C-alpha atoms as a PDB file:
ATOM      1  CA  MET A   1     -93.934 -15.491   8.515  1.00  0.00           C
ATOM      2  CA  GLN A   2     -92.859 -13.456   6.531  1.00  0.00           C
ATOM      3  CA  GLN A   3     -90.587 -12.528  10.117  1.00  0.00           C
ATOM      4  CA  GLN A   4     -89.603 -16.260   9.763  1.00  0.00           C
ATOM      5  CA  SER A   5     -88.750 -15.949   6.504  1.00  0.00           C
ATOM      6  CA  GLN A   6     -86.796 -12.523   6.794  1.00  0.00           C
ATOM      7  CA  GLN A   7     -84.545 -13.911   9.569  1.00  0.00           C
ATOM      8  CA  PRO A   8     -82.917 -16.386   7.821  1.00  0.00           C
ATOM      9  CA  GLN A   9     -82.132 -13.673   4.461  1.00  0.00           C
ATOM     10  CA  ASP A  10     -80.803 -11.815   7.856  1.00  0.00           C
ATOM     11  CA  GLN A  11     -78.417 -14.909   8.889  1.00  0.00           C
ATOM     12  CA  VAL A  12     -77.260 -15.109   4.992  1.00  0.00           C
ATOM     13  CA  SER A  13     -76.696 -11.550   4.912  1.00  0.00           C
ATOM     14  CA  LEU A  14     -74.732 -11.303   8.348  1.00  0.00           C
ATOM     15  CA  LEU A  15     -73.033 -14.143   6.921  1.00  0.00           C
ATOM     16  CA  ALA A  16     -72.453 -13.131   3.890  1.00  0.00           C
ATOM     17  CA  PHE A  17     -70.793  -9.952   5.489  1.00  0.00           C
ATOM     18  CA  ARG A  18     -68.513 -11.615   8.390  1.00  0.00           C
ATOM     19  CA  VAL A  19     -67.488 -13.287   5.096  1.00  0.00           C
ATOM     20  CA  GLU A  20     -66.347 -10.526   3.185  1.00  0.00           C
ATOM     21  CA  ALA A  21     -65.040  -9.023   6.678  1.00  0.00           C
ATOM     22  CA  LEU A  22     -63.085 -12.264   7.099  1.00  0.00           C
ATOM     23  CA  GLU A  23     -61.498 -11.540   3.688  1.00  0.00           C
ATOM     24  CA  ARG A  24     -60.510  -8.577   3.919  1.00  0.00           C
ATOM     25  CA  THR A  25     -58.766 -10.073   6.960  1.00  0.00           C
ATOM     26  CA  VAL A  26     -57.092 -12.621   4.984  1.00  0.00           C
ATOM     27  CA  SER A  27     -55.922 -10.633   2.447  1.00  0.00           C
ATOM     28  CA  GLY A  28     -54.901  -7.644   4.485  1.00  0.00           C
ATOM     29  CA  PHE A  29     -52.549 -11.041   6.080  1.00  0.00           C
ATOM     30  CA  ASN A  30     -51.576 -12.411   3.319  1.00  0.00           C
ATOM     31  CA  GLN A  31     -50.011  -8.396   2.138  1.00  0.00           C
ATOM     32  CA  GLN A  32     -48.400  -7.951   5.487  1.00  0.00           C
ATOM     33  CA  LEU A  33     -46.845 -11.605   4.723  1.00  0.00           C
ATOM     34  CA  ASN A  34     -45.864 -10.968   1.710  1.00  0.00           C
ATOM     35  CA  SER A  35     -44.097  -7.804   3.637  1.00  0.00           C
ATOM     36  CA  TYR A  36     -42.569  -9.771   5.781  1.00  0.00           C
ATOM     37  CA  VAL A  37     -41.386 -12.524   3.638  1.00  0.00           C
ATOM     38  CA  ARG A  38     -39.876  -9.382   1.042  1.00  0.00           C
ATOM     39  CA  GLU A  39     -37.847  -7.337   4.349  1.00  0.00           C
ATOM     40  CA  LYS A  40     -36.462 -11.217   5.880  1.00  0.00           C
ATOM     41  CA  GLU A  41     -35.138 -11.833   2.081  1.00  0.00           C
ATOM     42  CA  ASN A  42     -33.907  -8.191   1.845  1.00  0.00           C
ATOM     43  CA  ASP A  43     -32.577  -8.759   5.536  1.00  0.00           C
ATOM     44  CA  LEU A  44     -30.885 -12.051   4.465  1.00  0.00           C
ATOM     45  CA  LYS A  45     -29.210 -10.305   1.053  1.00  0.00           C
ATOM     46  CA  LEU A  46     -27.877  -7.730   3.619  1.00  0.00           C
ATOM     47  CA  LYS A  47     -26.457 -10.237   5.627  1.00  0.00           C
ATOM     48  CA  MET A  48     -25.013 -11.762   2.830  1.00  0.00           C
ATOM     49  CA  LEU A  49     -24.141  -8.199   1.860  1.00  0.00           C
ATOM     50  CA  GLU A  50     -21.884  -7.618   5.036  1.00  0.00           C
ATOM     51  CA  ALA A  51     -20.579 -11.053   4.982  1.00  0.00           C
ATOM     52  CA  THR A  52     -19.040 -10.496   1.810  1.00  0.00           C
ATOM     53  CA  ALA A  53     -17.856  -6.765   2.612  1.00  0.00           C
ATOM     54  CA  GLN A  54     -15.986  -7.561   5.882  1.00  0.00           C
ATOM     55  CA  ASN A  55     -14.553 -10.597   3.669  1.00  0.00           C
ATOM     56  CA  ILE A  56     -12.860  -7.879   1.077  1.00  0.00           C
ATOM     57  CA  GLY A  57     -11.703  -5.919   3.854  1.00  0.00           C
ATOM     58  CA  SER A  58      -9.857  -8.859   5.138  1.00  0.00           C
ATOM     59  CA  GLU A  59      -9.245  -9.832   2.385  1.00  0.00           C
ATOM     60  CA  ILE A  60      -7.718  -6.297   1.802  1.00  0.00           C
ATOM     61  CA  THR A  61      -5.729  -6.000   4.717  1.00  0.00           C
ATOM     62  CA  GLY A  62      -4.097  -9.358   4.022  1.00  0.00           C
ATOM     63  CA  PHE A  63      -2.965  -7.607   0.911  1.00  0.00           C
ATOM     64  CA  LYS A  64      -1.822  -4.192   2.331  1.00  0.00           C
ATOM     65  CA  HIS A  65      -0.120  -7.440   5.160  1.00  0.00           C
ATOM     66  CA  ASP A  66       1.625  -8.629   1.806  1.00  0.00           C
ATOM     67  CA  VAL A  67       2.454  -5.107   0.511  1.00  0.00           C
ATOM     68  CA  ARG A  68       4.556  -4.131   3.763  1.00  0.00           C
ATOM     69  CA  GLU A  69       6.544  -7.229   3.865  1.00  0.00           C
ATOM     70  CA  LEU A  70       7.301  -7.345  -0.418  1.00  0.00           C
ATOM     71  CA  GLU A  71       7.982  -3.622   0.038  1.00  0.00           C
ATOM     72  CA  GLU A  72      10.647  -4.468   3.481  1.00  0.00           C
ATOM     73  CA  GLU A  73      11.794  -7.068   0.834  1.00  0.00           C
ATOM     74  CA  VAL A  74      12.507  -4.301  -1.839  1.00  0.00           C
ATOM     75  CA  LYS A  75      14.214  -2.185   0.615  1.00  0.00           C
ATOM     76  CA  ALA A  76      16.765  -5.012   1.861  1.00  0.00           C
ATOM     77  CA  LEU A  77      17.129  -5.907  -1.523  1.00  0.00           C
ATOM     78  CA  LYS A  78      18.255  -2.411  -2.713  1.00  0.00           C
ATOM     79  CA  ASP A  79      20.423  -2.141   0.603  1.00  0.00           C
ATOM     80  CA  ASP A  80      22.234  -4.908   0.141  1.00  0.00           C
ATOM     81  CA  LEU A  81      22.633  -4.134  -3.985  1.00  0.00           C
ATOM     82  CA  GLN A  82      23.765  -0.556  -2.673  1.00  0.00           C
ATOM     83  CA  ARG A  83      26.467  -2.861  -0.424  1.00  0.00           C
ATOM     84  CA  ARG A  84      27.650  -4.931  -3.448  1.00  0.00           C
ATOM     85  CA  ASP A  85      28.089  -1.657  -5.184  1.00  0.00           C
ATOM     86  CA  ALA A  86      30.037  -0.165  -2.753  1.00  0.00           C
ATOM     87  CA  ALA A  87      32.368  -3.275  -2.012  1.00  0.00           C
ATOM     88  CA  GLN A  88      32.251  -3.469  -6.215  1.00  0.00           C
ATOM     89  CA  HIS A  89      33.963  -0.057  -6.429  1.00  0.00           C
ATOM     90  CA  GLU A  90      35.967  -0.100  -3.625  1.00  0.00           C
ATOM     91  CA  SER A  91      37.489  -3.128  -5.207  1.00  0.00           C
ATOM     92  CA  GLN A  92      37.488  -1.569  -8.446  1.00  0.00           C
ATOM     93  CA  SER A  93      39.128   1.033  -6.958  1.00  0.00           C
ATOM     94  CA  ARG A  94      42.060  -1.122  -5.042  1.00  0.00           C
ATOM     95  CA  LEU A  95      42.689  -2.894  -8.380  1.00  0.00           C
ATOM     96  CA  GLN A  96      42.944   0.482 -10.460  1.00  0.00           C
ATOM     97  CA  ILE A  97      45.805   1.378  -7.302  1.00  0.00           C
ATOM     98  CA  ARG A  98      47.521  -2.150  -7.794  1.00  0.00           C
ATOM     99  CA  VAL A  99      47.394  -1.766 -11.710  1.00  0.00           C
ATOM    100  CA  LEU A 100      48.847   2.182 -11.152  1.00  0.00           C
ATOM    101  CA  VAL A 101      51.566   0.798  -8.466  1.00  0.00           C
ATOM    102  CA  ALA A 102      52.857  -1.679 -10.876  1.00  0.00           C
ATOM    103  CA  ILE A 103      53.353   0.413 -13.838  1.00  0.00           C
ATOM    104  CA  ILE A 104      54.836   2.954 -11.854  1.00  0.00           C
ATOM    105  CA  SER A 105      57.371   0.287 -10.240  1.00  0.00           C
ATOM    106  CA  THR A 106      57.879  -1.400 -13.680  1.00  0.00           C
ATOM    107  CA  VAL A 107      58.574   2.227 -15.008  1.00  0.00           C
ATOM    108  CA  LEU A 108      60.543   3.322 -12.033  1.00  0.00           C
ATOM    109  CA  THR A 109      62.695  -0.277 -12.848  1.00  0.00           C
ATOM    110  CA  VAL A 110      63.091   0.205 -15.916  1.00  0.00           C
ATOM    111  CA  VAL A 111      64.226   4.211 -15.712  1.00  0.00           C
ATOM    112  CA  THR A 112      66.838   3.182 -12.985  1.00  0.00           C
ATOM    113  CA  SER A 113      68.211   0.158 -15.215  1.00  0.00           C
ATOM    114  CA  ILE A 114      68.605   2.635 -17.811  1.00  0.00           C
ATOM    115  CA  LEU A 115      70.248   5.155 -15.501  1.00  0.00           C
ATOM    116  CA  GLY A 116      72.382   2.464 -13.666  1.00  0.00           C
ATOM    117  CA  LEU A 117      74.158   1.294 -17.341  1.00  0.00           C
ATOM    118  CA  TYR A 118      74.389   4.850 -18.353  1.00  0.00           C
ATOM    119  CA  ILE A 119      76.108   5.828 -15.576  1.00  0.00           C
ATOM    120  CA  ALA A 120      78.153   2.216 -15.739  1.00  0.00           C
ATOM    121  CA  HIS A 121      78.752   3.343 -18.991  1.00  0.00           C
ATOM    122  CA  ILE A 122      79.844   6.571 -18.344  1.00  0.00           C
ATOM    123  CA  PHE A 123      82.405   5.469 -16.066  1.00  0.00           C
ATOM    124  CA  LYS A 124      84.084   2.609 -17.457  1.00  0.00           C
END
């Protein structure tokens, strides 16, 4: 009889041992699952950061292109401004020469007239 009462206790002990082993296994699975979930979250965050970095890189490339275009426009405007300045300077130089020629012509005309009148007065 003792053996019969011993047998259910052994079965209970064996069952308790198996339940504890199962609990440890489930606990290990839970830890692995939590670790896996964290890794997946980190992977998603990393992918989001990579996508953000690519977007920023694309924007920087676009900005560089825009800056190059603006630099070319500024250079074209500078060249145009220099041409205008040169044309204006040339125009001013021509105007100054015309004024000088007009003044010299007027002075020569006045001097020639005075000389003509003086010579005419002398021969009279």
